[in-house]
C-alpha cells in the first residue's frame, strides 16, 4: 500500500517499494554498512524473489506514516551501536525529507558482521 498525503499542490502517493529502493541507496552510503540482507529463512527466500535493491528493507505505510525495518551487515571492527544509531538517524531524516511524510519508526537489525 502506498504512503499518501495531501498538500497545496494536490495528492501525493509514494509506493512502499520506491521508499525501500531509496533507503537501500541511502544505506549503502552510510559508514560501516556493508550490505543489506534478509533475516531467517523467510528473509532469505524473500531476498531471492525480490530485486536486490529492496533486499533487507521492509516498509509499511499507513496514510502519511511510514514504518521501516532494515536488516544490515556491518563492517568488522566498527562500533555496532554507533553504526546502528547513525544509520537510523540518517534514514529517518532522509526519508522524511524525500517523501514529506512522517517516519513512525526505524528498526535497525544487525544480522551479521563481515571483514
PDB file of N, CA and C in Angstrom:
ATOM      1  N   UNK A   1       0.845  -1.165   0.000  1.00  0.00           N
ATOM      2  CA  UNK A   1       0.000   0.000   0.000  1.00  0.00           C
ATOM      3  C   UNK A   1       0.898   1.239   0.000  1.00  0.00           C
ATOM      4  N   UNK A   2       0.598   2.217  -0.817  1.00  0.00           N
ATOM      5  CA  UNK A   2       1.430   3.414  -0.880  1.00  0.00           C
ATOM      6  C   UNK A   2       1.179   4.363   0.292  1.00  0.00           C
ATOM      7  N   UNK A   3       2.184   5.185   0.591  1.00  0.00           N
ATOM      8  CA  UNK A   3       2.027   6.260   1.570  1.00  0.00           C
ATOM      9  C   UNK A   3       1.360   7.421   0.843  1.00  0.00           C
ATOM     10  N   UNK A   4       0.367   8.027   1.470  1.00  0.00           N
ATOM     11  CA  UNK A   4      -0.398   9.084   0.810  1.00  0.00           C
ATOM     12  C   UNK A   4      -0.485  10.315   1.701  1.00  0.00           C
ATOM     13  N   UNK A   5      -0.462  11.479   1.070  1.00  0.00           N
ATOM     14  CA  UNK A   5      -0.641  12.738   1.783  1.00  0.00           C
ATOM     15  C   UNK A   5      -1.190  13.773   0.811  1.00  0.00           C
ATOM     16  N   UNK A   6      -1.656  14.869   1.350  1.00  0.00           N
ATOM     17  CA  UNK A   6      -2.146  15.989   0.554  1.00  0.00           C
ATOM     18  C   UNK A   6      -1.377  17.241   0.953  1.00  0.00           C
ATOM     19  N   UNK A   7      -1.152  18.120  -0.015  1.00  0.00           N
ATOM     20  CA  UNK A   7      -0.597  19.431   0.289  1.00  0.00           C
ATOM     21  C   UNK A   7      -1.216  20.445  -0.668  1.00  0.00           C
ATOM     22  N   UNK A   8      -0.663  21.633  -0.707  1.00  0.00           N
ATOM     23  CA  UNK A   8      -1.268  22.678  -1.547  1.00  0.00           C
ATOM     24  C   UNK A   8      -1.176  22.361  -3.036  1.00  0.00           C
ATOM     25  N   UNK A   9      -0.283  21.454  -3.404  1.00  0.00           N
ATOM     26  CA  UNK A   9      -0.124  21.092  -4.808  1.00  0.00           C
ATOM     27  C   UNK A   9      -1.023  19.954  -5.233  1.00  0.00           C
ATOM     28  N   UNK A  10      -1.632  19.257  -4.285  1.00  0.00           N
ATOM     29  CA  UNK A  10      -2.511  18.151  -4.620  1.00  0.00           C
ATOM     30  C   UNK A  10      -2.195  16.911  -3.807  1.00  0.00           C
ATOM     31  N   UNK A  11      -2.617  15.763  -4.308  1.00  0.00           N
ATOM     32  CA  UNK A  11      -2.406  14.492  -3.621  1.00  0.00           C
ATOM     33  C   UNK A  11      -1.061  13.892  -4.023  1.00  0.00           C
ATOM     34  N   UNK A  12      -0.374  13.318  -3.040  1.00  0.00           N
ATOM     35  CA  UNK A  12       0.910  12.673  -3.288  1.00  0.00           C
ATOM     36  C   UNK A  12       0.811  11.235  -2.815  1.00  0.00           C
ATOM     37  N   UNK A  13       1.278  10.299  -3.643  1.00  0.00           N
ATOM     38  CA  UNK A  13       1.275   8.881  -3.315  1.00  0.00           C
ATOM     39  C   UNK A  13       2.635   8.303  -3.686  1.00  0.00           C
ATOM     40  N   UNK A  14       3.302   7.657  -2.713  1.00  0.00           N
ATOM     41  CA  UNK A  14       4.608   7.044  -2.962  1.00  0.00           C
ATOM     42  C   UNK A  14       4.516   5.578  -2.558  1.00  0.00           C
ATOM     43  N   UNK A  15       4.876   4.682  -3.466  1.00  0.00           N
ATOM     44  CA  UNK A  15       4.775   3.253  -3.170  1.00  0.00           C
ATOM     45  C   UNK A  15       5.835   2.839  -2.159  1.00  0.00           C
ATOM     46  N   UNK A  16       5.529   1.780  -1.423  1.00  0.00           N
ATOM     47  CA  UNK A  16       6.465   1.252  -0.429  1.00  0.00           C
ATOM     48  C   UNK A  16       7.748   0.772  -1.094  1.00  0.00           C
ATOM     49  N   UNK A  17       7.660   0.216  -2.297  1.00  0.00           N
ATOM     50  CA  UNK A  17       8.866  -0.259  -2.981  1.00  0.00           C
ATOM     51  C   UNK A  17       9.768   0.902  -3.396  1.00  0.00           C
ATOM     52  N   UNK A  18       9.204   2.049  -3.720  1.00  0.00           N
ATOM     53  CA  UNK A  18      10.004   3.232  -4.041  1.00  0.00           C
ATOM     54  C   UNK A  18      10.744   3.715  -2.807  1.00  0.00           C
ATOM     55  N   UNK A  19      10.073   3.721  -1.675  1.00  0.00           N
ATOM     56  CA  UNK A  19      10.714   4.121  -0.421  1.00  0.00           C
ATOM     57  C   UNK A  19      11.820   3.129  -0.060  1.00  0.00           C
ATOM     58  N   UNK A  20      11.560   1.842  -0.230  1.00  0.00           N
ATOM     59  CA  UNK A  20      12.570   0.815   0.059  1.00  0.00           C
ATOM     60  C   UNK A  20      13.795   0.985  -0.830  1.00  0.00           C
ATOM     61  N   UNK A  21      13.581   1.257  -2.102  1.00  0.00           N
ATOM     62  CA  UNK A  21      14.686   1.484  -3.034  1.00  0.00           C
ATOM     63  C   UNK A  21      15.517   2.686  -2.606  1.00  0.00           C
ATOM     64  N   UNK A  22      14.852   3.761  -2.198  1.00  0.00           N
ATOM     65  CA  UNK A  22      15.539   4.965  -1.724  1.00  0.00           C
ATOM     66  C   UNK A  22      16.371   4.646  -0.487  1.00  0.00           C
ATOM     67  N   UNK A  23      15.804   3.883   0.443  1.00  0.00           N
ATOM     68  CA  UNK A  23      16.516   3.507   1.667  1.00  0.00           C
ATOM     69  C   UNK A  23      17.763   2.693   1.343  1.00  0.00           C
ATOM     70  N   UNK A  24      17.668   1.789   0.398  1.00  0.00           N
ATOM     71  CA  UNK A  24      18.837   0.972   0.060  1.00  0.00           C
ATOM     72  C   UNK A  24      19.946   1.820  -0.538  1.00  0.00           C
ATOM     73  N   UNK A  25      19.610   2.828  -1.318  1.00  0.00           N
ATOM     74  CA  UNK A  25      20.629   3.726  -1.867  1.00  0.00           C
ATOM     75  C   UNK A  25      21.261   4.572  -0.775  1.00  0.00           C
ATOM     76  N   UNK A  26      20.446   5.123   0.100  1.00  0.00           N
ATOM     77  CA  UNK A  26      20.950   5.932   1.212  1.00  0.00           C
ATOM     78  C   UNK A  26      21.789   5.075   2.150  1.00  0.00           C
ATOM     79  N   UNK A  27      21.333   3.872   2.414  1.00  0.00           N
ATOM     80  CA  UNK A  27      22.004   2.992   3.358  1.00  0.00           C
ATOM     81  C   UNK A  27      23.401   2.597   2.937  1.00  0.00           C
ATOM     82  N   UNK A  28      23.606   2.405   1.650  1.00  0.00           N
ATOM     83  CA  UNK A  28      24.927   1.996   1.186  1.00  0.00           C
ATOM     84  C   UNK A  28      25.931   3.134   1.274  1.00  0.00           C
ATOM     85  N   UNK A  29      25.480   4.359   1.473  1.00  0.00           N
ATOM     86  CA  UNK A  29      26.373   5.498   1.685  1.00  0.00           C
ATOM     87  C   UNK A  29      26.727   5.675   3.148  1.00  0.00           C
ATOM     88  N   UNK A  30      26.125   4.884   4.028  1.00  0.00           N
ATOM     89  CA  UNK A  30      26.350   5.008   5.470  1.00  0.00           C
ATOM     90  C   UNK A  30      27.629   4.280   5.879  1.00  0.00           C
ATOM     91  N   UNK A  31      28.412   4.909   6.731  1.00  0.00           N
ATOM     92  CA  UNK A  31      29.660   4.330   7.202  1.00  0.00           C
ATOM     93  C   UNK A  31      29.394   3.049   7.989  1.00  0.00           C
ATOM     94  N   UNK A  32      30.125   2.002   7.682  1.00  0.00           N
ATOM     95  CA  UNK A  32      30.041   0.756   8.421  1.00  0.00           C
ATOM     96  C   UNK A  32      29.049  -0.243   7.875  1.00  0.00           C
ATOM     97  N   UNK A  33      28.164   0.182   6.991  1.00  0.00           N
ATOM     98  CA  UNK A  33      27.173  -0.734   6.413  1.00  0.00           C
ATOM     99  C   UNK A  33      27.782  -1.392   5.178  1.00  0.00           C
ATOM    100  N   UNK A  34      27.873  -2.719   5.206  1.00  0.00           N
ATOM    101  CA  UNK A  34      28.473  -3.469   4.101  1.00  0.00           C
ATOM    102  C   UNK A  34      27.411  -3.861   3.085  1.00  0.00           C
ATOM    103  N   UNK A  35      26.283  -4.366   3.570  1.00  0.00           N
ATOM    104  CA  UNK A  35      25.205  -4.799   2.682  1.00  0.00           C
ATOM    105  C   UNK A  35      23.921  -4.956   3.470  1.00  0.00           C
ATOM    106  N   UNK A  36      22.834  -5.136   2.728  1.00  0.00           N
ATOM    107  CA  UNK A  36      21.540  -5.440   3.313  1.00  0.00           C
ATOM    108  C   UNK A  36      21.305  -6.928   3.169  1.00  0.00           C
ATOM    109  N   UNK A  37      20.489  -7.505   4.048  1.00  0.00           N
ATOM    110  CA  UNK A  37      20.198  -8.925   3.926  1.00  0.00           C
ATOM    111  C   UNK A  37      18.912  -9.277   4.628  1.00  0.00           C
ATOM    112  N   UNK A  38      18.326 -10.404   4.221  1.00  0.00           N
ATOM    113  CA  UNK A  38      17.110 -10.888   4.860  1.00  0.00           C
ATOM    114  C   UNK A  38      17.431 -11.603   6.156  1.00  0.00           C
ATOM    115  N   UNK A  39      16.462 -11.752   7.008  1.00  0.00           N
ATOM    116  CA  UNK A  39      16.648 -12.404   8.298  1.00  0.00           C
ATOM    117  C   UNK A  39      15.914 -13.730   8.316  1.00  0.00           C
ATOM    118  N   UNK A  40      16.612 -14.785   8.652  1.00  0.00           N
ATOM    119  CA  UNK A  40      15.996 -16.104   8.761  1.00  0.00           C
ATOM    120  C   UNK A  40      15.624 -16.677   7.399  1.00  0.00           C
ATOM    121  N   UNK A  41      14.935 -17.799   7.418  1.00  0.00           N
ATOM    122  CA  UNK A  41      14.534 -18.479   6.188  1.00  0.00           C
ATOM    123  C   UNK A  41      13.605 -17.613   5.352  1.00  0.00           C
ATOM    124  N   UNK A  42      12.639 -16.965   5.998  1.00  0.00           N
ATOM    125  CA  UNK A  42      11.696 -16.101   5.281  1.00  0.00           C
ATOM    126  C   UNK A  42      12.436 -14.977   4.572  1.00  0.00           C
ATOM    127  N   UNK A  43      13.396 -14.385   5.241  1.00  0.00           N
ATOM    128  CA  UNK A  43      14.169 -13.301   4.646  1.00  0.00           C
ATOM    129  C   UNK A  43      15.028 -13.762   3.489  1.00  0.00           C
ATOM    130  N   UNK A  44      15.590 -14.961   3.595  1.00  0.00           N
ATOM    131  CA  UNK A  44      16.416 -15.492   2.512  1.00  0.00           C
ATOM    132  C   UNK A  44      15.568 -15.789   1.285  1.00  0.00           C
ATOM    133  N   UNK A  45      14.401 -16.388   1.496  1.00  0.00           N
ATOM    134  CA  UNK A  45      13.505 -16.679   0.377  1.00  0.00           C
ATOM    135  C   UNK A  45      13.034 -15.373  -0.256  1.00  0.00           C
ATOM    136  N   UNK A  46      12.677 -14.415   0.590  1.00  0.00           N
ATOM    137  CA  UNK A  46      12.221 -13.122   0.098  1.00  0.00           C
ATOM    138  C   UNK A  46      13.334 -12.422  -0.678  1.00  0.00           C
ATOM    139  N   UNK A  47      14.586 -12.544  -0.207  1.00  0.00           N
ATOM    140  CA  UNK A  47      15.723 -11.929  -0.887  1.00  0.00           C
ATOM    141  C   UNK A  47      15.970 -12.514  -2.265  1.00  0.00           C
ATOM    142  N   UNK A  48      15.697 -13.811  -2.424  1.00  0.00           N
ATOM    143  CA  UNK A  48      15.857 -14.450  -3.736  1.00  0.00           C
ATOM    144  C   UNK A  48      14.773 -13.970  -4.685  1.00  0.00           C
ATOM    145  N   UNK A  49      13.559 -13.854  -4.185  1.00  0.00           N
ATOM    146  CA  UNK A  49      12.415 -13.464  -5.016  1.00  0.00           C
ATOM    147  C   UNK A  49      12.466 -11.977  -5.367  1.00  0.00           C
ATOM    148  N   UNK A  50      12.792 -11.140  -4.380  1.00  0.00           N
ATOM    149  CA  UNK A  50      12.794  -9.699  -4.591  1.00  0.00           C
ATOM    150  C   UNK A  50      13.984  -9.260  -5.418  1.00  0.00           C
ATOM    151  N   UNK A  51      13.883  -8.081  -5.924  1.00  0.00           N
ATOM    152  CA  UNK A  51      15.024  -7.495  -6.614  1.00  0.00           C
ATOM    153  C   UNK A  51      16.051  -7.084  -5.569  1.00  0.00           C
ATOM    154  N   UNK A  52      17.300  -7.041  -5.945  1.00  0.00           N
ATOM    155  CA  UNK A  52      18.387  -6.825  -4.990  1.00  0.00           C
ATOM    156  C   UNK A  52      18.322  -5.474  -4.305  1.00  0.00           C
ATOM    157  N   UNK A  53      17.711  -4.476  -4.914  1.00  0.00           N
ATOM    158  CA  UNK A  53      17.701  -3.151  -4.319  1.00  0.00           C
ATOM    159  C   UNK A  53      16.692  -2.991  -3.181  1.00  0.00           C
ATOM    160  N   UNK A  54      15.812  -3.950  -2.971  1.00  0.00           N
ATOM    161  CA  UNK A  54      14.904  -3.860  -1.826  1.00  0.00           C
ATOM    162  C   UNK A  54      15.164  -4.969  -0.814  1.00  0.00           C
ATOM    163  N   UNK A  55      16.194  -5.776  -1.042  1.00  0.00           N
ATOM    164  CA  UNK A  55      16.538  -6.865  -0.135  1.00  0.00           C
ATOM    165  C   UNK A  55      16.933  -6.288   1.227  1.00  0.00           C
ATOM    166  N   UNK A  56      16.362  -6.826   2.280  1.00  0.00           N
ATOM    167  CA  UNK A  56      16.702  -6.398   3.626  1.00  0.00           C
ATOM    168  C   UNK A  56      15.997  -5.140   4.093  1.00  0.00           C
ATOM    169  N   UNK A  57      15.061  -4.629   3.317  1.00  0.00           N
ATOM    170  CA  UNK A  57      14.314  -3.422   3.692  1.00  0.00           C
ATOM    171  C   UNK A  57      12.830  -3.748   3.640  1.00  0.00           C
ATOM    172  N   UNK A  58      12.139  -3.529   4.745  1.00  0.00           N
ATOM    173  CA  UNK A  58      10.697  -3.752   4.802  1.00  0.00           C
ATOM    174  C   UNK A  58      10.027  -2.439   5.184  1.00  0.00           C
ATOM    175  N   UNK A  59       9.175  -1.934   4.320  1.00  0.00           N
ATOM    176  CA  UNK A  59       8.497  -0.661   4.550  1.00  0.00           C
ATOM    177  C   UNK A  59       7.013  -0.918   4.708  1.00  0.00           C
ATOM    178  N   UNK A  60       6.428  -0.396   5.781  1.00  0.00           N
ATOM    179  CA  UNK A  60       4.977  -0.449   5.964  1.00  0.00           C
ATOM    180  C   UNK A  60       4.458   0.982   5.989  1.00  0.00           C
ATOM    181  N   UNK A  61       3.310   1.178   5.379  1.00  0.00           N
ATOM    182  CA  UNK A  61       2.735   2.514   5.324  1.00  0.00           C
ATOM    183  C   UNK A  61       1.294   2.480   5.806  1.00  0.00           C
ATOM    184  N   UNK A  62       0.898   3.582   6.403  1.00  0.00           N
ATOM    185  CA  UNK A  62      -0.489   3.752   6.827  1.00  0.00           C
ATOM    186  C   UNK A  62      -0.795   5.243   6.718  1.00  0.00           C
ATOM    187  N   UNK A  63      -1.506   5.598   5.654  1.00  0.00           N
ATOM    188  CA  UNK A  63      -1.779   7.006   5.417  1.00  0.00           C
ATOM    189  C   UNK A  63      -0.498   7.742   5.096  1.00  0.00           C
ATOM    190  N   UNK A  64      -0.185   8.766   5.917  1.00  0.00           N
ATOM    191  CA  UNK A  64       1.051   9.523   5.699  1.00  0.00           C
ATOM    192  C   UNK A  64       2.142   9.124   6.690  1.00  0.00           C
ATOM    193  N   UNK A  65       2.023   7.925   7.263  1.00  0.00           N
ATOM    194  CA  UNK A  65       3.003   7.414   8.228  1.00  0.00           C
ATOM    195  C   UNK A  65       3.786   6.269   7.605  1.00  0.00           C
ATOM    196  N   UNK A  66       5.082   6.223   7.892  1.00  0.00           N
ATOM    197  CA  UNK A  66       5.954   5.208   7.330  1.00  0.00           C
ATOM    198  C   UNK A  66       6.678   4.471   8.454  1.00  0.00           C
ATOM    199  N   UNK A  67       6.690   3.148   8.381  1.00  0.00           N
ATOM    200  CA  UNK A  67       7.447   2.313   9.308  1.00  0.00           C
ATOM    201  C   UNK A  67       8.505   1.551   8.532  1.00  0.00           C
ATOM    202  N   UNK A  68       9.707   1.485   9.096  1.00  0.00           N
ATOM    203  CA  UNK A  68      10.829   0.885   8.365  1.00  0.00           C
ATOM    204  C   UNK A  68      11.533  -0.143   9.234  1.00  0.00           C
ATOM    205  N   UNK A  69      11.723  -1.338   8.686  1.00  0.00           N
ATOM    206  CA  UNK A  69      12.555  -2.382   9.292  1.00  0.00           C
ATOM    207  C   UNK A  69      13.684  -2.660   8.309  1.00  0.00           C
ATOM    208  N   UNK A  70      14.924  -2.573   8.818  1.00  0.00           N
ATOM    209  CA  UNK A  70      16.093  -2.757   7.961  1.00  0.00           C
ATOM    210  C   UNK A  70      16.986  -3.833   8.561  1.00  0.00           C
ATOM    211  N   UNK A  71      17.459  -4.746   7.723  1.00  0.00           N
ATOM    212  CA  UNK A  71      18.374  -5.812   8.131  1.00  0.00           C
ATOM    213  C   UNK A  71      19.698  -5.574   7.415  1.00  0.00           C
ATOM    214  N   UNK A  72      20.754  -5.318   8.206  1.00  0.00           N
ATOM    215  CA  UNK A  72      22.033  -4.943   7.606  1.00  0.00           C
ATOM    216  C   UNK A  72      23.180  -5.825   8.087  1.00  0.00           C
ATOM    217  N   UNK A  73      24.239  -5.834   7.282  1.00  0.00           N
ATOM    218  CA  UNK A  73      25.505  -6.464   7.634  1.00  0.00           C
ATOM    219  C   UNK A  73      26.492  -5.323   7.851  1.00  0.00           C
ATOM    220  N   UNK A  74      27.212  -5.377   8.973  1.00  0.00           N
ATOM    221  CA  UNK A  74      28.097  -4.282   9.379  1.00  0.00           C
ATOM    222  C   UNK A  74      29.553  -4.709   9.238  1.00  0.00           C
ATOM    223  N   UNK A  75      30.399  -3.743   8.941  1.00  0.00           N
ATOM    224  CA  UNK A  75      31.834  -3.982   8.792  1.00  0.00           C
ATOM    225  C   UNK A  75      32.450  -4.363  10.138  1.00  0.00           C
ATOM    226  N   UNK A  76      33.321  -5.360  10.103  1.00  0.00           N
ATOM    227  CA  UNK A  76      34.023  -5.815  11.306  1.00  0.00           C
ATOM    228  C   UNK A  76      34.910  -4.695  11.848  1.00  0.00           C
ATOM    229  N   UNK A  77      34.891  -4.518  13.175  1.00  0.00           N
ATOM    230  CA  UNK A  77      35.772  -3.564  13.829  1.00  0.00           C
ATOM    231  C   UNK A  77      35.145  -2.222  14.153  1.00  0.00           C
ATOM    232  N   UNK A  78      33.967  -1.950  13.651  1.00  0.00           N
ATOM    233  CA  UNK A  78      33.312  -0.682  13.962  1.00  0.00           C
ATOM    234  C   UNK A  78      32.362  -0.878  15.139  1.00  0.00           C
ATOM    235  N   UNK A  79      31.992   0.202  15.782  1.00  0.00           N
ATOM    236  CA  UNK A  79      31.045   0.143  16.893  1.00  0.00           C
ATOM    237  C   UNK A  79      29.650  -0.140  16.346  1.00  0.00           C
ATOM    238  N   UNK A  80      29.091  -1.272  16.741  1.00  0.00           N
ATOM    239  CA  UNK A  80      27.758  -1.640  16.253  1.00  0.00           C
ATOM    240  C   UNK A  80      26.715  -0.612  16.677  1.00  0.00           C
ATOM    241  N   UNK A  81      26.807  -0.159  17.903  1.00  0.00           N
ATOM    242  CA  UNK A  81      25.847   0.825  18.415  1.00  0.00           C
ATOM    243  C   UNK A  81      25.941   2.130  17.633  1.00  0.00           C
ATOM    244  N   UNK A  82      27.150   2.596  17.383  1.00  0.00           N
ATOM    245  CA  UNK A  82      27.337   3.862  16.662  1.00  0.00           C
ATOM    246  C   UNK A  82      26.828   3.761  15.226  1.00  0.00           C
ATOM    247  N   UNK A  83      27.140   2.653  14.565  1.00  0.00           N
ATOM    248  CA  UNK A  83      26.681   2.463  13.184  1.00  0.00           C
ATOM    249  C   UNK A  83      25.156   2.406  13.147  1.00  0.00           C
ATOM    250  N   UNK A  84      24.548   1.636  14.052  1.00  0.00           N
ATOM    251  CA  UNK A  84      23.080   1.495  14.067  1.00  0.00           C
ATOM    252  C   UNK A  84      22.394   2.831  14.348  1.00  0.00           C
ATOM    253  N   UNK A  85      22.894   3.594  15.318  1.00  0.00           N
ATOM    254  CA  UNK A  85      22.276   4.876  15.643  1.00  0.00           C
ATOM    255  C   UNK A  85      22.416   5.884  14.508  1.00  0.00           C
ATOM    256  N   UNK A  86      23.622   5.968  13.922  1.00  0.00           N
ATOM    257  CA  UNK A  86      23.839   6.899  12.813  1.00  0.00           C
ATOM    258  C   UNK A  86      22.992   6.512  11.608  1.00  0.00           C
ATOM    259  N   UNK A  87      22.914   5.216  11.334  1.00  0.00           N
ATOM    260  CA  UNK A  87      22.118   4.720  10.218  1.00  0.00           C
ATOM    261  C   UNK A  87      20.644   5.044  10.432  1.00  0.00           C
ATOM    262  N   UNK A  88      20.160   4.803  11.635  1.00  0.00           N
ATOM    263  CA  UNK A  88      18.757   5.069  11.959  1.00  0.00           C
ATOM    264  C   UNK A  88      18.414   6.549  11.783  1.00  0.00           C
ATOM    265  N   UNK A  89      19.248   7.426  12.321  1.00  0.00           N
ATOM    266  CA  UNK A  89      19.001   8.866  12.214  1.00  0.00           C
ATOM    267  C   UNK A  89      19.051   9.334  10.756  1.00  0.00           C
ATOM    268  N   UNK A  90      20.019   8.814  10.008  1.00  0.00           N
ATOM    269  CA  UNK A  90      20.164   9.189   8.608  1.00  0.00           C
ATOM    270  C   UNK A  90      18.949   8.763   7.792  1.00  0.00           C
ATOM    271  N   UNK A  91      18.517   7.520   7.978  1.00  0.00           N
ATOM    272  CA  UNK A  91      17.352   7.007   7.243  1.00  0.00           C
ATOM    273  C   UNK A  91      16.103   7.812   7.588  1.00  0.00           C
ATOM    274  N   UNK A  92      15.878   8.039   8.865  1.00  0.00           N
ATOM    275  CA  UNK A  92      14.680   8.777   9.274  1.00  0.00           C
ATOM    276  C   UNK A  92      14.664  10.183   8.665  1.00  0.00           C
ATOM    277  N   UNK A  93      15.769  10.891   8.791  1.00  0.00           N
ATOM    278  CA  UNK A  93      15.846  12.259   8.276  1.00  0.00           C
ATOM    279  C   UNK A  93      15.662  12.300   6.758  1.00  0.00           C
ATOM    280  N   UNK A  94      16.396  11.440   6.050  1.00  0.00           N
ATOM    281  CA  UNK A  94      16.374  11.486   4.590  1.00  0.00           C
ATOM    282  C   UNK A  94      15.044  11.007   4.008  1.00  0.00           C
ATOM    283  N   UNK A  95      14.411  10.021   4.623  1.00  0.00           N
ATOM    284  CA  UNK A  95      13.108   9.560   4.130  1.00  0.00           C
ATOM    285  C   UNK A  95      12.043  10.628   4.365  1.00  0.00           C
ATOM    286  N   UNK A  96      12.077  11.287   5.526  1.00  0.00           N
ATOM    287  CA  UNK A  96      11.113  12.359   5.779  1.00  0.00           C
ATOM    288  C   UNK A  96      11.311  13.523   4.809  1.00  0.00           C
ATOM    289  N   UNK A  97      12.557  13.853   4.528  1.00  0.00           N
ATOM    290  CA  UNK A  97      12.842  14.938   3.585  1.00  0.00           C
ATOM    291  C   UNK A  97      12.444  14.540   2.165  1.00  0.00           C
ATOM    292  N   UNK A  98      12.737  13.301   1.769  1.00  0.00           N
ATOM    293  CA  UNK A  98      12.430  12.785   0.438  1.00  0.00           C
ATOM    294  C   UNK A  98      10.924  12.702   0.195  1.00  0.00           C
ATOM    295  N   UNK A  99      10.199  12.183   1.182  1.00  0.00           N
ATOM    296  CA  UNK A  99       8.775  11.897   0.972  1.00  0.00           C
ATOM    297  C   UNK A  99       7.842  13.001   1.456  1.00  0.00           C
ATOM    298  N   UNK A 100       8.295  13.799   2.409  1.00  0.00           N
ATOM    299  CA  UNK A 100       7.417  14.802   3.002  1.00  0.00           C
ATOM    300  C   UNK A 100       6.424  14.194   3.981  1.00  0.00           C
ATOM    301  N   UNK A 101       6.658  12.956   4.359  1.00  0.00           N
ATOM    302  CA  UNK A 101       5.775  12.244   5.272  1.00  0.00           C
ATOM    303  C   UNK A 101       6.529  11.879   6.540  1.00  0.00           C
ATOM    304  N   UNK A 102       5.801  11.504   7.578  1.00  0.00           N
ATOM    305  CA  UNK A 102       6.413  11.203   8.868  1.00  0.00           C
ATOM    306  C   UNK A 102       6.858   9.741   8.953  1.00  0.00           C
ATOM    307  N   UNK A 103       8.029   9.536   9.538  1.00  0.00           N
ATOM    308  CA  UNK A 103       8.525   8.193   9.805  1.00  0.00           C
ATOM    309  C   UNK A 103       8.199   7.861  11.251  1.00  0.00           C
ATOM    310  N   UNK A 104       7.348   6.853  11.450  1.00  0.00           N
ATOM    311  CA  UNK A 104       6.969   6.437  12.798  1.00  0.00           C
ATOM    312  C   UNK A 104       8.111   5.750  13.522  1.00  0.00           C
ATOM    313  N   UNK A 105       8.777   4.845  12.828  1.00  0.00           N
ATOM    314  CA  UNK A 105       9.862   4.101  13.458  1.00  0.00           C
ATOM    315  C   UNK A 105      10.843   3.602  12.407  1.00  0.00           C
ATOM    316  N   UNK A 106      12.078   3.401  12.856  1.00  0.00           N
ATOM    317  CA  UNK A 106      13.106   2.743  12.051  1.00  0.00           C
ATOM    318  C   UNK A 106      13.736   1.697  12.957  1.00  0.00           C
ATOM    319  N   UNK A 107      13.546   0.437  12.631  1.00  0.00           N
ATOM    320  CA  UNK A 107      14.164  -0.659  13.373  1.00  0.00           C
ATOM    321  C   UNK A 107      15.371  -1.144  12.585  1.00  0.00           C
ATOM    322  N   UNK A 108      16.552  -1.012  13.186  1.00  0.00           N
ATOM    323  CA  UNK A 108      17.784  -1.462  12.552  1.00  0.00           C
ATOM    324  C   UNK A 108      18.168  -2.799  13.167  1.00  0.00           C
ATOM    325  N   UNK A 109      18.238  -3.821  12.351  1.00  0.00           N
ATOM    326  CA  UNK A 109      18.590  -5.167  12.788  1.00  0.00           C
ATOM    327  C   UNK A 109      19.925  -5.546  12.170  1.00  0.00           C
ATOM    328  N   UNK A 110      20.949  -5.721  13.008  1.00  0.00           N
ATOM    329  CA  UNK A 110      22.260  -6.130  12.523  1.00  0.00           C
ATOM    330  C   UNK A 110      22.274  -7.651  12.510  1.00  0.00           C
ATOM    331  N   UNK A 111      22.396  -8.230  11.309  1.00  0.00           N
ATOM    332  CA  UNK A 111      22.285  -9.691  11.190  1.00  0.00           C
ATOM    333  C   UNK A 111      23.628 -10.380  11.032  1.00  0.00           C
ATOM    334  N   UNK A 112      24.681  -9.602  10.730  1.00  0.00           N
ATOM    335  CA  UNK A 112      25.989 -10.219  10.544  1.00  0.00           C
ATOM    336  C   UNK A 112      27.064  -9.150  10.583  1.00  0.00           C
ATOM    337  N   UNK A 113      28.311  -9.610  10.737  1.00  0.00           N
ATOM    338  CA  UNK A 113      29.490  -8.741  10.691  1.00  0.00           C
ATOM    339  C   UNK A 113      30.456  -9.356   9.694  1.00  0.00           C
ATOM    340  N   UNK A 114      31.003  -8.527   8.783  1.00  0.00           N
ATOM    341  CA  UNK A 114      31.946  -9.018   7.777  1.00  0.00           C
ATOM    342  C   UNK A 114      33.211  -8.182   7.791  1.00  0.00           C
ATOM    343  N   UNK A 115      34.327  -8.845   7.442  1.00  0.00           N
ATOM    344  CA  UNK A 115      35.595  -8.130   7.326  1.00  0.00           C
ATOM    345  C   UNK A 115      35.663  -7.360   6.044  1.00  0.00           C
TER     346      UNK A 115
END
